[in-house]
């Protein structure tokens, strides 16, 4: 893994993930989307995102839904962050719509660091 965004901490999360290959695929997709949008997360933000993606992948496999959220709570999140999150949710598949709103916070935070 010669991608500078795949740090030792990220590798440790991937190693502990219940579905490491799917988690890495989803993480690489998110990284590609962030790079295209010129969003560069801090190392801590990337670690938190990786952990969240691992949980998303697990929910996708188990079918366990994330609790519903009120989209109005995310009205301040940029359309760009929502779109990246929506694309990630689509890429992973079998996830509740609320996942895109919760995941969008990672992209918005990294964008506004």
Protein backbone atom coordinates (compact mmCIF):
# COMPACT_ATOMS: atom_id res chain seq x y z
CA UNK A 1 0.00 0.00 0.00
CA UNK A 2 2.06 2.89 -1.24
CA UNK A 3 -0.77 5.42 -1.04
CA UNK A 4 0.29 8.08 1.49
CA UNK A 5 -3.29 8.24 2.78
CA UNK A 6 -3.14 4.59 3.85
CA UNK A 7 -1.22 5.22 7.09
CA UNK A 8 -0.29 2.66 9.72
CA UNK A 9 -3.38 3.63 11.73
CA UNK A 10 -5.62 3.17 8.69
CA UNK A 11 -3.96 -0.20 8.00
CA UNK A 12 -4.64 -1.23 11.61
CA UNK A 13 -8.35 -0.43 11.20
CA UNK A 14 -8.46 -2.35 7.93
CA UNK A 15 -6.80 -5.34 9.61
CA UNK A 16 -9.45 -5.37 12.35
CA UNK A 17 -12.40 -4.78 10.00
CA UNK A 18 -14.90 -7.62 9.67
CA UNK A 19 -14.76 -7.20 5.88
CA UNK A 20 -11.29 -5.77 5.14
CA UNK A 21 -11.31 -6.15 1.35
CA UNK A 22 -14.70 -4.46 0.94
CA UNK A 23 -13.68 -1.77 3.43
CA UNK A 24 -10.49 -1.04 1.49
CA UNK A 25 -12.42 -0.89 -1.79
CA UNK A 26 -14.89 1.58 -0.29
CA UNK A 27 -12.10 3.62 1.31
CA UNK A 28 -10.20 3.83 -1.97
CA UNK A 29 -13.41 4.99 -3.67
CA UNK A 30 -13.89 7.70 -1.01
CA UNK A 31 -10.26 8.81 -1.31
CA UNK A 32 -10.58 9.03 -5.10
CA UNK A 33 -13.74 11.14 -4.77
CA UNK A 34 -12.09 13.42 -2.18
CA UNK A 35 -9.02 13.90 -4.36
CA UNK A 36 -11.23 14.79 -7.34
CA UNK A 37 -12.92 17.42 -5.16
CA UNK A 38 -9.54 18.61 -3.81
CA UNK A 39 -10.51 17.62 -0.28
CA UNK A 40 -7.58 16.45 1.81
CA UNK A 41 -8.43 15.11 5.25
CA UNK A 42 -6.10 15.26 8.21
CA UNK A 43 -4.69 11.93 9.37
CA UNK A 44 -7.17 11.84 12.26
CA UNK A 45 -10.09 12.59 9.92
CA UNK A 46 -8.97 9.75 7.65
CA UNK A 47 -8.74 7.33 10.58
CA UNK A 48 -12.26 8.25 11.72
CA UNK A 49 -13.57 7.95 8.14
CA UNK A 50 -11.94 4.53 7.73
CA UNK A 51 -13.54 3.30 10.93
CA UNK A 52 -16.93 4.60 9.81
CA UNK A 53 -16.58 2.97 6.39
CA UNK A 54 -15.74 -0.35 8.06
CA UNK A 55 -18.97 -0.03 10.07
CA UNK A 56 -20.93 0.91 6.94
CA UNK A 57 -19.64 -2.16 5.12
CA UNK A 58 -20.63 -4.36 8.05
CA UNK A 59 -24.14 -2.87 8.08
CA UNK A 60 -24.35 -3.45 4.33
CA UNK A 61 -23.51 -7.14 4.80
CA UNK A 62 -25.74 -7.71 7.85
CA UNK A 63 -28.61 -5.55 6.65
CA UNK A 64 -28.72 -3.80 10.01
CA UNK A 65 -30.10 -0.32 9.35
CA UNK A 66 -28.68 2.89 10.73
CA UNK A 67 -31.26 4.84 12.71
CA UNK A 68 -33.23 7.31 10.63
CA UNK A 69 -32.03 10.90 10.69
CA UNK A 70 -33.74 14.16 9.85
CA UNK A 71 -32.18 15.46 6.62
CA UNK A 72 -32.85 19.02 7.84
CA UNK A 73 -30.18 18.48 10.48
CA UNK A 74 -27.70 18.37 7.60
CA UNK A 75 -28.93 21.50 5.81
CA UNK A 76 -25.57 23.22 6.37
CA UNK A 77 -23.61 20.40 4.74
CA UNK A 78 -22.48 21.28 1.23
CA UNK A 79 -24.10 19.55 -1.73
CA UNK A 80 -20.61 18.35 -2.69
CA UNK A 81 -20.12 16.52 0.63
CA UNK A 82 -23.61 15.03 0.43
CA UNK A 83 -22.92 13.84 -3.13
CA UNK A 84 -19.62 12.19 -2.23
CA UNK A 85 -21.36 10.44 0.66
CA UNK A 86 -24.29 9.41 -1.54
CA UNK A 87 -21.87 7.98 -4.10
CA UNK A 88 -20.08 6.07 -1.33
CA UNK A 89 -23.39 4.66 -0.05
CA UNK A 90 -24.27 3.57 -3.58
CA UNK A 91 -20.82 2.01 -4.04
CA UNK A 92 -21.14 -0.01 -0.82
CA UNK A 93 -24.79 -0.88 -1.47
CA UNK A 94 -27.58 -2.21 0.74
CA UNK A 95 -27.52 0.80 3.10
CA UNK A 96 -30.24 3.08 4.44
CA UNK A 97 -30.58 6.56 2.97
CA UNK A 98 -29.64 8.03 6.36
CA UNK A 99 -26.09 6.71 5.85
CA UNK A 100 -25.32 9.41 3.28
CA UNK A 101 -26.17 12.17 5.71
CA UNK A 102 -24.09 10.75 8.54
CA UNK A 103 -21.15 10.01 6.21
CA UNK A 104 -21.35 13.49 4.64
CA UNK A 105 -20.07 15.00 7.88
CA UNK A 106 -16.66 13.38 7.27
CA UNK A 107 -16.32 15.01 3.86
CA UNK A 108 -17.66 18.37 5.01
CA UNK A 109 -15.30 18.44 7.99
CA UNK A 110 -12.29 17.57 5.82
CA UNK A 111 -13.34 20.18 3.26
CA UNK A 112 -13.56 22.90 5.89
CA UNK A 113 -10.56 22.01 8.01
